[in-house]
All heavy atoms as atom14 arrays in JSON, in Angstrom:
{
  "sequence": "LSTGDKVFLDSTNVEVRVRADLVERARRHRRPIVAVRFMADPDTCHAR",
  "atom14_mask": [
    [1, 1, 1, 1, 1, 1, 1, 1, 0, 0, 0, 0, 0, 0],
    [1, 1, 1, 1, 1, 1, 0, 0, 0, 0, 0, 0, 0, 0],
    [1, 1, 1, 1, 1, 1, 1, 0, 0, 0, 0, 0, 0, 0],
    [1, 1, 1, 1, 0, 0, 0, 0, 0, 0, 0, 0, 0, 0],
    [1, 1, 1, 1, 1, 1, 1, 1, 0, 0, 0, 0, 0, 0],
    [1, 1, 1, 1, 1, 1, 1, 1, 1, 0, 0, 0, 0, 0],
    [1, 1, 1, 1, 1, 1, 1, 0, 0, 0, 0, 0, 0, 0],
    [1, 1, 1, 1, 1, 1, 1, 1, 1, 1, 1, 0, 0, 0],
    [1, 1, 1, 1, 1, 1, 1, 1, 0, 0, 0, 0, 0, 0],
    [1, 1, 1, 1, 1, 1, 1, 1, 0, 0, 0, 0, 0, 0],
    [1, 1, 1, 1, 1, 1, 0, 0, 0, 0, 0, 0, 0, 0],
    [1, 1, 1, 1, 1, 1, 1, 0, 0, 0, 0, 0, 0, 0],
    [1, 1, 1, 1, 1, 1, 1, 1, 0, 0, 0, 0, 0, 0],
    [1, 1, 1, 1, 1, 1, 1, 0, 0, 0, 0, 0, 0, 0],
    [1, 1, 1, 1, 1, 1, 1, 1, 1, 0, 0, 0, 0, 0],
    [1, 1, 1, 1, 1, 1, 1, 0, 0, 0, 0, 0, 0, 0],
    [1, 1, 1, 1, 1, 1, 1, 1, 1, 1, 1, 0, 0, 0],
    [1, 1, 1, 1, 1, 1, 1, 0, 0, 0, 0, 0, 0, 0],
    [1, 1, 1, 1, 1, 1, 1, 1, 1, 1, 1, 0, 0, 0],
    [1, 1, 1, 1, 1, 0, 0, 0, 0, 0, 0, 0, 0, 0],
    [1, 1, 1, 1, 1, 1, 1, 1, 0, 0, 0, 0, 0, 0],
    [1, 1, 1, 1, 1, 1, 1, 1, 0, 0, 0, 0, 0, 0],
    [1, 1, 1, 1, 1, 1, 1, 0, 0, 0, 0, 0, 0, 0],
    [1, 1, 1, 1, 1, 1, 1, 1, 1, 0, 0, 0, 0, 0],
    [1, 1, 1, 1, 1, 1, 1, 1, 1, 1, 1, 0, 0, 0],
    [1, 1, 1, 1, 1, 0, 0, 0, 0, 0, 0, 0, 0, 0],
    [1, 1, 1, 1, 1, 1, 1, 1, 1, 1, 1, 0, 0, 0],
    [1, 1, 1, 1, 1, 1, 1, 1, 1, 1, 1, 0, 0, 0],
    [1, 1, 1, 1, 1, 1, 1, 1, 1, 1, 0, 0, 0, 0],
    [1, 1, 1, 1, 1, 1, 1, 1, 1, 1, 1, 0, 0, 0],
    [1, 1, 1, 1, 1, 1, 1, 1, 1, 1, 1, 0, 0, 0],
    [1, 1, 1, 1, 1, 1, 1, 0, 0, 0, 0, 0, 0, 0],
    [1, 1, 1, 1, 1, 1, 1, 1, 0, 0, 0, 0, 0, 0],
    [1, 1, 1, 1, 1, 1, 1, 0, 0, 0, 0, 0, 0, 0],
    [1, 1, 1, 1, 1, 0, 0, 0, 0, 0, 0, 0, 0, 0],
    [1, 1, 1, 1, 1, 1, 1, 0, 0, 0, 0, 0, 0, 0],
    [1, 1, 1, 1, 1, 1, 1, 1, 1, 1, 1, 0, 0, 0],
    [1, 1, 1, 1, 1, 1, 1, 1, 1, 1, 1, 0, 0, 0],
    [1, 1, 1, 1, 1, 1, 1, 1, 0, 0, 0, 0, 0, 0],
    [1, 1, 1, 1, 1, 0, 0, 0, 0, 0, 0, 0, 0, 0],
    [1, 1, 1, 1, 1, 1, 1, 1, 0, 0, 0, 0, 0, 0],
    [1, 1, 1, 1, 1, 1, 1, 0, 0, 0, 0, 0, 0, 0],
    [1, 1, 1, 1, 1, 1, 1, 1, 0, 0, 0, 0, 0, 0],
    [1, 1, 1, 1, 1, 1, 1, 0, 0, 0, 0, 0, 0, 0],
    [1, 1, 1, 1, 1, 1, 0, 0, 0, 0, 0, 0, 0, 0],
    [1, 1, 1, 1, 1, 1, 1, 1, 1, 1, 0, 0, 0, 0],
    [1, 1, 1, 1, 1, 0, 0, 0, 0, 0, 0, 0, 0, 0],
    [1, 1, 1, 1, 1, 1, 1, 1, 1, 1, 1, 0, 0, 0]
  ],
  "atom14_positions": [
    [[-38.1, 58.93, -10.41], [-38.17, 59.67, -11.67], [-39.44, 59.31, -12.44], [-40.06, 60.17, -13.07], [-36.94, 59.39, -12.52], [-35.62, 60.0, -12.02], [-34.45, 59.47, -12.85], [-35.66, 61.53, -12.05], [0.0, 0.0, 0.0], [0.0, 0.0, 0.0], [0.0, 0.0, 0.0], [0.0, 0.0, 0.0], [0.0, 0.0, 0.0], [0.0, 0.0, 0.0]],
    [[-39.84, 58.04, -12.39], [-41.02, 57.61, -13.15], [-42.32, 58.2, -12.6], [-43.3, 58.34, -13.33], [-41.11, 56.09, -13.17], [-41.43, 55.6, -11.88], [0.0, 0.0, 0.0], [0.0, 0.0, 0.0], [0.0, 0.0, 0.0], [0.0, 0.0, 0.0], [0.0, 0.0, 0.0], [0.0, 0.0, 0.0], [0.0, 0.0, 0.0], [0.0, 0.0, 0.0]],
    [[-42.32, 58.57, -11.32], [-43.52, 59.18, -10.73], [-43.49, 60.7, -10.79], [-44.42, 61.36, -10.34], [-43.7, 58.73, -9.26], [-42.57, 59.16, -8.5], [-43.88, 57.23, -9.16], [0.0, 0.0, 0.0], [0.0, 0.0, 0.0], [0.0, 0.0, 0.0], [0.0, 0.0, 0.0], [0.0, 0.0, 0.0], [0.0, 0.0, 0.0], [0.0, 0.0, 0.0]],
    [[-42.4, 61.26, -11.34], [-42.3, 62.7, -11.47], [-41.8, 63.41, -10.23], [-41.84, 64.64, -10.15], [0.0, 0.0, 0.0], [0.0, 0.0, 0.0], [0.0, 0.0, 0.0], [0.0, 0.0, 0.0], [0.0, 0.0, 0.0], [0.0, 0.0, 0.0], [0.0, 0.0, 0.0], [0.0, 0.0, 0.0], [0.0, 0.0, 0.0], [0.0, 0.0, 0.0]],
    [[-41.33, 62.64, -9.24], [-40.78, 63.25, -8.02], [-39.53, 64.05, -8.34], [-38.78, 63.72, -9.25], [-40.4, 62.17, -6.99], [-41.59, 61.42, -6.43], [-42.72, 61.91, -6.58], [-41.36, 60.35, -5.85], [0.0, 0.0, 0.0], [0.0, 0.0, 0.0], [0.0, 0.0, 0.0], [0.0, 0.0, 0.0], [0.0, 0.0, 0.0], [0.0, 0.0, 0.0]],
    [[-39.3, 65.1, -7.57], [-38.05, 65.84, -7.66], [-37.01, 65.01, -6.92], [-37.22, 64.64, -5.76], [-38.18, 67.21, -7.03], [-36.96, 68.09, -7.24], [-37.15, 69.46, -6.62], [-38.14, 70.24, -7.43], [-38.27, 71.64, -6.98], [0.0, 0.0, 0.0], [0.0, 0.0, 0.0], [0.0, 0.0, 0.0], [0.0, 0.0, 0.0], [0.0, 0.0, 0.0]],
    [[-35.9, 64.7, -7.57], [-34.88, 63.83, -6.97], [-33.55, 64.57, -6.92], [-33.13, 65.17, -7.9], [-34.7, 62.53, -7.8], [-33.63, 61.65, -7.19], [-36.01, 61.78, -7.92], [0.0, 0.0, 0.0], [0.0, 0.0, 0.0], [0.0, 0.0, 0.0], [0.0, 0.0, 0.0], [0.0, 0.0, 0.0], [0.0, 0.0, 0.0], [0.0, 0.0, 0.0]],
    [[-32.92, 64.5, -5.76], [-31.57, 65.02, -5.58], [-30.67, 63.82, -5.34], [-30.89, 63.06, -4.39], [-31.49, 65.98, -4.38], [-32.35, 67.19, -4.57], [-33.68, 67.19, -4.18], [-31.83, 68.32, -5.17], [-34.47, 68.3, -4.36], [-32.62, 69.44, -5.36], [-33.95, 69.43, -4.95], [0.0, 0.0, 0.0], [0.0, 0.0, 0.0], [0.0, 0.0, 0.0]],
    [[-29.69, 63.62, -6.19], [-28.77, 62.5, -6.07], [-27.46, 62.97, -5.49], [-26.79, 63.82, -6.08], [-28.54, 61.84, -7.44], [-27.57, 60.67, -7.46], [-28.09, 59.52, -6.61], [-27.35, 60.22, -8.89], [0.0, 0.0, 0.0], [0.0, 0.0, 0.0], [0.0, 0.0, 0.0], [0.0, 0.0, 0.0], [0.0, 0.0, 0.0], [0.0, 0.0, 0.0]],
    [[-27.11, 62.45, -4.32], [-25.84, 62.77, -3.67], [-24.92, 61.59, -3.91], [-24.97, 60.59, -3.2], [-26.06, 63.01, -2.18], [-24.77, 63.35, -1.44], [-23.69, 63.36, -2.06], [-24.85, 63.59, -0.22], [0.0, 0.0, 0.0], [0.0, 0.0, 0.0], [0.0, 0.0, 0.0], [0.0, 0.0, 0.0], [0.0, 0.0, 0.0], [0.0, 0.0, 0.0]],
    [[-24.1, 61.7, -4.94], [-23.27, 60.59, -5.35], [-22.09, 61.14, -6.15], [-22.29, 61.85, -7.13], [-24.1, 59.64, -6.21], [-23.36, 58.56, -6.67], [0.0, 0.0, 0.0], [0.0, 0.0, 0.0], [0.0, 0.0, 0.0], [0.0, 0.0, 0.0], [0.0, 0.0, 0.0], [0.0, 0.0, 0.0], [0.0, 0.0, 0.0], [0.0, 0.0, 0.0]],
    [[-20.89, 60.82, -5.72], [-19.71, 61.25, -6.46], [-19.54, 60.33, -7.66], [-19.37, 59.13, -7.5], [-18.45, 61.18, -5.56], [-18.69, 61.98, -4.41], [-17.23, 61.66, -6.31], [0.0, 0.0, 0.0], [0.0, 0.0, 0.0], [0.0, 0.0, 0.0], [0.0, 0.0, 0.0], [0.0, 0.0, 0.0], [0.0, 0.0, 0.0], [0.0, 0.0, 0.0]],
    [[-19.63, 60.88, -8.83], [-19.55, 60.09, -10.06], [-18.42, 60.62, -10.91], [-18.61, 61.53, -11.73], [-20.88, 60.16, -10.81], [-21.99, 59.55, -10.0], [-22.02, 58.36, -9.79], [-22.87, 60.38, -9.48], [0.0, 0.0, 0.0], [0.0, 0.0, 0.0], [0.0, 0.0, 0.0], [0.0, 0.0, 0.0], [0.0, 0.0, 0.0], [0.0, 0.0, 0.0]],
    [[-17.24, 60.05, -10.73], [-16.06, 60.56, -11.42], [-15.87, 59.97, -12.8], [-15.07, 60.47, -13.58], [-14.78, 60.35, -10.57], [-14.87, 61.14, -9.27], [-14.53, 58.88, -10.3], [0.0, 0.0, 0.0], [0.0, 0.0, 0.0], [0.0, 0.0, 0.0], [0.0, 0.0, 0.0], [0.0, 0.0, 0.0], [0.0, 0.0, 0.0], [0.0, 0.0, 0.0]],
    [[-16.59, 58.92, -13.12], [-16.43, 58.28, -14.42], [-17.5, 58.77, -15.4], [-18.68, 58.81, -15.06], [-16.53, 56.76, -14.28], [-15.44, 56.17, -13.4], [-15.61, 54.68, -13.19], [-16.06, 54.0, -14.13], [-15.3, 54.22, -12.09], [0.0, 0.0, 0.0], [0.0, 0.0, 0.0], [0.0, 0.0, 0.0], [0.0, 0.0, 0.0], [0.0, 0.0, 0.0]],
    [[-17.06, 59.13, -16.58], [-17.97, 59.65, -17.61], [-19.11, 58.67, -17.88], [-20.27, 59.06, -17.95], [-17.21, 59.96, -18.92], [-18.16, 60.33, -20.04], [-16.2, 61.07, -18.68], [0.0, 0.0, 0.0], [0.0, 0.0, 0.0], [0.0, 0.0, 0.0], [0.0, 0.0, 0.0], [0.0, 0.0, 0.0], [0.0, 0.0, 0.0], [0.0, 0.0, 0.0]],
    [[-18.81, 57.39, -18.0], [-19.86, 56.4, -18.33], [-20.93, 56.33, -17.25], [-22.1, 56.13, -17.53], [-19.26, 55.03, -18.61], [-18.64, 54.37, -17.41], [-18.13, 52.94, -17.69], [-17.54, 52.39, -16.51], [-18.22, 51.94, -15.45], [-19.53, 51.97, -15.46], [-17.6, 51.47, -14.39], [0.0, 0.0, 0.0], [0.0, 0.0, 0.0], [0.0, 0.0, 0.0]],
    [[-20.53, 56.51, -15.99], [-21.49, 56.48, -14.88], [-22.39, 57.71, -14.95], [-23.62, 57.61, -14.83], [-20.77, 56.39, -13.52], [-21.76, 56.52, -12.37], [-19.99, 55.08, -13.41], [0.0, 0.0, 0.0], [0.0, 0.0, 0.0], [0.0, 0.0, 0.0], [0.0, 0.0, 0.0], [0.0, 0.0, 0.0], [0.0, 0.0, 0.0], [0.0, 0.0, 0.0]],
    [[-21.78, 58.87, -15.17], [-22.59, 60.09, -15.3], [-23.52, 59.99, -16.5], [-24.68, 60.4, -16.43], [-21.69, 61.32, -15.42], [-20.99, 61.67, -14.12], [-20.32, 63.03, -14.19], [-19.33, 63.17, -15.24], [-18.04, 62.87, -15.12], [-17.58, 62.39, -13.99], [-17.22, 63.04, -16.13], [0.0, 0.0, 0.0], [0.0, 0.0, 0.0], [0.0, 0.0, 0.0]],
    [[-23.03, 59.46, -17.6], [-23.86, 59.33, -18.81], [-25.07, 58.45, -18.54], [-26.18, 58.74, -19.0], [-23.02, 58.76, -19.95], [0.0, 0.0, 0.0], [0.0, 0.0, 0.0], [0.0, 0.0, 0.0], [0.0, 0.0, 0.0], [0.0, 0.0, 0.0], [0.0, 0.0, 0.0], [0.0, 0.0, 0.0], [0.0, 0.0, 0.0], [0.0, 0.0, 0.0]],
    [[-24.89, 57.38, -17.77], [-26.01, 56.5, -17.42], [-27.04, 57.25, -16.58], [-28.25, 57.12, -16.8], [-25.51, 55.26, -16.66], [-26.67, 54.37, -16.24], [-27.31, 53.78, -17.12], [-26.95, 54.31, -15.02], [0.0, 0.0, 0.0], [0.0, 0.0, 0.0], [0.0, 0.0, 0.0], [0.0, 0.0, 0.0], [0.0, 0.0, 0.0], [0.0, 0.0, 0.0]],
    [[-26.58, 58.05, -15.63], [-27.51, 58.8, -14.79], [-28.27, 59.84, -15.61], [-29.48, 60.02, -15.44], [-26.75, 59.47, -13.64], [-26.1, 58.51, -12.65], [-25.21, 59.26, -11.68], [-27.15, 57.7, -11.91], [0.0, 0.0, 0.0], [0.0, 0.0, 0.0], [0.0, 0.0, 0.0], [0.0, 0.0, 0.0], [0.0, 0.0, 0.0], [0.0, 0.0, 0.0]],
    [[-27.57, 60.51, -16.52], [-28.22, 61.49, -17.39], [-29.26, 60.79, -18.27], [-30.38, 61.27, -18.44], [-27.18, 62.23, -18.26], [-27.84, 63.04, -19.36], [-26.31, 63.12, -17.37], [0.0, 0.0, 0.0], [0.0, 0.0, 0.0], [0.0, 0.0, 0.0], [0.0, 0.0, 0.0], [0.0, 0.0, 0.0], [0.0, 0.0, 0.0], [0.0, 0.0, 0.0]],
    [[-28.9, 59.64, -18.82], [-29.84, 58.89, -19.66], [-31.09, 58.47, -18.88], [-32.2, 58.52, -19.4], [-29.15, 57.67, -20.26], [-30.06, 56.8, -21.11], [-30.79, 57.55, -22.22], [-30.22, 58.49, -22.78], [-31.95, 57.18, -22.52], [0.0, 0.0, 0.0], [0.0, 0.0, 0.0], [0.0, 0.0, 0.0], [0.0, 0.0, 0.0], [0.0, 0.0, 0.0]],
    [[-30.92, 58.07, -17.62], [-32.07, 57.7, -16.79], [-33.04, 58.88, -16.65], [-34.26, 58.71, -16.78], [-31.63, 57.26, -15.4], [-31.05, 55.89, -15.35], [-30.47, 55.56, -13.96], [-29.76, 54.31, -14.04], [-30.33, 53.12, -14.05], [-31.63, 53.01, -13.93], [-29.61, 52.03, -14.16], [0.0, 0.0, 0.0], [0.0, 0.0, 0.0], [0.0, 0.0, 0.0]],
    [[-32.49, 60.06, -16.38], [-33.35, 61.23, -16.23], [-34.03, 61.57, -17.55], [-35.23, 61.87, -17.58], [-32.52, 62.42, -15.73], [0.0, 0.0, 0.0], [0.0, 0.0, 0.0], [0.0, 0.0, 0.0], [0.0, 0.0, 0.0], [0.0, 0.0, 0.0], [0.0, 0.0, 0.0], [0.0, 0.0, 0.0], [0.0, 0.0, 0.0], [0.0, 0.0, 0.0]],
    [[-33.29, 61.52, -18.63], [-33.87, 61.84, -19.95], [-34.96, 60.84, -20.34], [-35.97, 61.22, -20.93], [-32.78, 61.89, -21.01], [-31.92, 63.13, -20.86], [-30.88, 63.25, -21.94], [-30.18, 64.53, -21.79], [-28.96, 64.75, -22.2], [-28.28, 63.8, -22.82], [-28.4, 65.92, -22.01], [0.0, 0.0, 0.0], [0.0, 0.0, 0.0], [0.0, 0.0, 0.0]],
    [[-34.74, 59.58, -20.02], [-35.74, 58.55, -20.32], [-37.08, 58.88, -19.66], [-38.14, 58.59, -20.21], [-35.22, 57.19, -19.83], [-36.01, 56.02, -20.31], [-35.39, 54.69, -19.91], [-33.95, 54.8, -19.68], [-33.3, 54.18, -18.69], [-33.93, 53.41, -17.84], [-32.01, 54.32, -18.54], [0.0, 0.0, 0.0], [0.0, 0.0, 0.0], [0.0, 0.0, 0.0]],
    [[-37.02, 59.49, -18.49], [-38.24, 59.86, -17.76], [-38.63, 61.31, -18.01], [-39.52, 61.84, -17.34], [-38.03, 59.62, -16.26], [-37.82, 58.19, -15.91], [-38.83, 57.25, -15.93], [-36.71, 57.5, -15.54], [-38.36, 56.07, -15.58], [-37.07, 56.19, -15.34], [0.0, 0.0, 0.0], [0.0, 0.0, 0.0], [0.0, 0.0, 0.0], [0.0, 0.0, 0.0]],
    [[-37.94, 61.94, -18.99], [-38.22, 63.33, -19.37], [-38.14, 64.27, -18.16], [-39.0, 65.13, -17.97], [-39.57, 63.44, -20.06], [-39.62, 62.73, -21.38], [-40.96, 62.92, -22.06], [-40.96, 62.5, -23.42], [-41.09, 61.24, -23.84], [-41.19, 60.28, -22.97], [-41.11, 60.95, -25.13], [0.0, 0.0, 0.0], [0.0, 0.0, 0.0], [0.0, 0.0, 0.0]],
    [[-37.09, 64.09, -17.38], [-36.88, 64.92, -16.19], [-35.68, 65.84, -16.42], [-34.71, 65.45, -17.06], [-36.61, 64.04, -14.96], [-37.71, 63.02, -14.65], [-39.03, 63.66, -14.3], [-38.83, 64.47, -13.1], [-39.55, 65.52, -12.77], [-40.52, 65.91, -13.53], [-39.29, 66.19, -11.69], [0.0, 0.0, 0.0], [0.0, 0.0, 0.0], [0.0, 0.0, 0.0]],
    [[-35.75, 67.09, -15.93], [-34.62, 68.01, -16.1], [-33.41, 67.55, -15.28], [-33.56, 66.85, -14.27], [-35.16, 69.34, -15.58], [-36.27, 68.96, -14.66], [-36.85, 67.67, -15.19], [0.0, 0.0, 0.0], [0.0, 0.0, 0.0], [0.0, 0.0, 0.0], [0.0, 0.0, 0.0], [0.0, 0.0, 0.0], [0.0, 0.0, 0.0], [0.0, 0.0, 0.0]],
    [[-32.23, 67.97, -15.7], [-30.98, 67.56, -15.06], [-30.15, 68.79, -14.74], [-29.95, 69.65, -15.6], [-30.16, 66.66, -16.01], [-31.0, 65.5, -16.52], [-28.89, 66.16, -15.31], [-30.49, 64.95, -17.83], [0.0, 0.0, 0.0], [0.0, 0.0, 0.0], [0.0, 0.0, 0.0], [0.0, 0.0, 0.0], [0.0, 0.0, 0.0], [0.0, 0.0, 0.0]],
    [[-29.66, 68.86, -13.53], [-28.71, 69.9, -13.13], [-27.62, 69.19, -12.35], [-27.89, 68.48, -11.39], [-29.35, 70.99, -12.25], [-28.31, 72.0, -11.79], [-30.49, 71.68, -13.0], [0.0, 0.0, 0.0], [0.0, 0.0, 0.0], [0.0, 0.0, 0.0], [0.0, 0.0, 0.0], [0.0, 0.0, 0.0], [0.0, 0.0, 0.0], [0.0, 0.0, 0.0]],
    [[-26.38, 69.38, -12.77], [-25.24, 68.8, -12.05], [-24.6, 69.87, -11.19], [-24.46, 71.02, -11.63], [-24.21, 68.25, -13.04], [0.0, 0.0, 0.0], [0.0, 0.0, 0.0], [0.0, 0.0, 0.0], [0.0, 0.0, 0.0], [0.0, 0.0, 0.0], [0.0, 0.0, 0.0], [0.0, 0.0, 0.0], [0.0, 0.0, 0.0], [0.0, 0.0, 0.0]],
    [[-24.23, 69.51, -9.99], [-23.5, 70.43, -9.12], [-22.11, 69.85, -8.95], [-21.95, 68.72, -8.49], [-24.18, 70.6, -7.75], [-23.37, 71.54, -6.86], [-25.6, 71.11, -7.91], [0.0, 0.0, 0.0], [0.0, 0.0, 0.0], [0.0, 0.0, 0.0], [0.0, 0.0, 0.0], [0.0, 0.0, 0.0], [0.0, 0.0, 0.0], [0.0, 0.0, 0.0]],
    [[-21.13, 70.62, -9.35], [-19.74, 70.15, -9.28], [-19.05, 70.92, -8.17], [-18.96, 72.14, -8.2], [-19.04, 70.38, -10.61], [-17.61, 69.91, -10.6], [-17.0, 70.01, -11.96], [-17.05, 71.39, -12.45], [-16.6, 71.76, -13.63], [-16.09, 70.87, -14.45], [-16.66, 73.01, -14.0], [0.0, 0.0, 0.0], [0.0, 0.0, 0.0], [0.0, 0.0, 0.0]],
    [[-18.55, 70.19, -7.19], [-17.8, 70.79, -6.09], [-16.33, 70.69, -6.43], [-15.83, 69.62, -6.73], [-18.09, 70.07, -4.77], [-19.49, 70.29, -4.3], [-20.48, 69.37, -4.6], [-19.82, 71.4, -3.56], [-21.78, 69.56, -4.16], [-21.12, 71.61, -3.13], [-22.11, 70.68, -3.42], [0.0, 0.0, 0.0], [0.0, 0.0, 0.0], [0.0, 0.0, 0.0]],
    [[-15.64, 71.79, -6.35], [-14.24, 71.83, -6.73], [-13.38, 72.1, -5.5], [-13.71, 72.95, -4.69], [-14.01, 72.94, -7.74], [-15.02, 72.97, -8.87], [-14.49, 72.25, -10.39], [-13.07, 73.16, -10.8], [0.0, 0.0, 0.0], [0.0, 0.0, 0.0], [0.0, 0.0, 0.0], [0.0, 0.0, 0.0], [0.0, 0.0, 0.0], [0.0, 0.0, 0.0]],
    [[-12.32, 71.37, -5.38], [-11.33, 71.61, -4.32], [-9.96, 71.45, -4.96], [-9.77, 70.66, -5.89], [-11.49, 70.62, -3.19], [0.0, 0.0, 0.0], [0.0, 0.0, 0.0], [0.0, 0.0, 0.0], [0.0, 0.0, 0.0], [0.0, 0.0, 0.0], [0.0, 0.0, 0.0], [0.0, 0.0, 0.0], [0.0, 0.0, 0.0], [0.0, 0.0, 0.0]],
    [[-9.0, 72.19, -4.44], [-7.66, 72.07, -5.01], [-7.07, 70.7, -4.62], [-7.45, 70.12, -3.61], [-6.77, 73.21, -4.55], [-6.53, 73.18, -3.07], [-7.39, 73.7, -2.32], [-5.51, 72.61, -2.65], [0.0, 0.0, 0.0], [0.0, 0.0, 0.0], [0.0, 0.0, 0.0], [0.0, 0.0, 0.0], [0.0, 0.0, 0.0], [0.0, 0.0, 0.0]],
    [[-6.17, 70.16, -5.43], [-5.6, 68.82, -5.16], [-4.97, 68.68, -3.78], [-5.11, 67.63, -3.15], [-4.57, 68.65, -6.28], [-5.1, 69.49, -7.4], [-5.72, 70.68, -6.72], [0.0, 0.0, 0.0], [0.0, 0.0, 0.0], [0.0, 0.0, 0.0], [0.0, 0.0, 0.0], [0.0, 0.0, 0.0], [0.0, 0.0, 0.0], [0.0, 0.0, 0.0]],
    [[-4.3, 69.71, -3.27], [-3.68, 69.6, -1.95], [-4.73, 69.35, -0.87], [-4.53, 68.54, 0.04], [-2.89, 70.86, -1.61], [-1.63, 71.0, -2.48], [-1.17, 69.97, -3.02], [-1.13, 72.13, -2.61], [0.0, 0.0, 0.0], [0.0, 0.0, 0.0], [0.0, 0.0, 0.0], [0.0, 0.0, 0.0], [0.0, 0.0, 0.0], [0.0, 0.0, 0.0]],
    [[-5.86, 70.03, -0.98], [-6.96, 69.83, -0.02], [-7.49, 68.41, -0.12], [-7.73, 67.74, 0.89], [-8.09, 70.85, -0.27], [-7.56, 72.16, -0.13], [-9.24, 70.64, 0.69], [0.0, 0.0, 0.0], [0.0, 0.0, 0.0], [0.0, 0.0, 0.0], [0.0, 0.0, 0.0], [0.0, 0.0, 0.0], [0.0, 0.0, 0.0], [0.0, 0.0, 0.0]],
    [[-7.68, 67.92, -1.34], [-8.17, 66.56, -1.54], [-7.23, 65.53, -0.93], [-7.66, 64.6, -0.25], [-8.36, 66.27, -3.03], [-9.65, 67.25, -3.79], [0.0, 0.0, 0.0], [0.0, 0.0, 0.0], [0.0, 0.0, 0.0], [0.0, 0.0, 0.0], [0.0, 0.0, 0.0], [0.0, 0.0, 0.0], [0.0, 0.0, 0.0], [0.0, 0.0, 0.0]],
    [[-5.93, 65.69, -1.19], [-4.95, 64.74, -0.65], [-4.94, 64.78, 0.87], [-4.86, 63.74, 1.52], [-3.56, 65.03, -1.21], [-3.44, 64.72, -2.66], [-3.56, 63.44, -3.19], [-3.22, 65.53, -3.73], [-3.43, 63.49, -4.49], [-3.22, 64.74, -4.86], [0.0, 0.0, 0.0], [0.0, 0.0, 0.0], [0.0, 0.0, 0.0], [0.0, 0.0, 0.0]],
    [[-5.01, 65.97, 1.46], [-5.01, 66.1, 2.92], [-6.24, 65.42, 3.52], [-6.14, 64.69, 4.51], [-4.95, 67.57, 3.32], [0.0, 0.0, 0.0], [0.0, 0.0, 0.0], [0.0, 0.0, 0.0], [0.0, 0.0, 0.0], [0.0, 0.0, 0.0], [0.0, 0.0, 0.0], [0.0, 0.0, 0.0], [0.0, 0.0, 0.0], [0.0, 0.0, 0.0]],
    [[-7.39, 65.64, 2.93], [-8.62, 65.01, 3.43], [-8.56, 63.5, 3.26], [-9.01, 62.76, 4.13], [-9.83, 65.56, 2.68], [-10.15, 66.98, 3.05], [-11.34, 67.47, 2.27], [-11.61, 68.85, 2.58], [-12.47, 69.59, 1.9], [-13.13, 69.08, 0.88], [-12.67, 70.84, 2.23], [0.0, 0.0, 0.0], [0.0, 0.0, 0.0], [0.0, 0.0, 0.0]]
  ]
}
């Protein structure tokens, strides 16, 4: 982020505080943020 590279983070972050830290890191480096949320129904999650 400090060098201005485009970064894609593949990391499941279910806790608000963890996501907030990642957002703050990007903002500190003045980098845009886009979150991709993958949704699955609970039955599928439990089966997997």
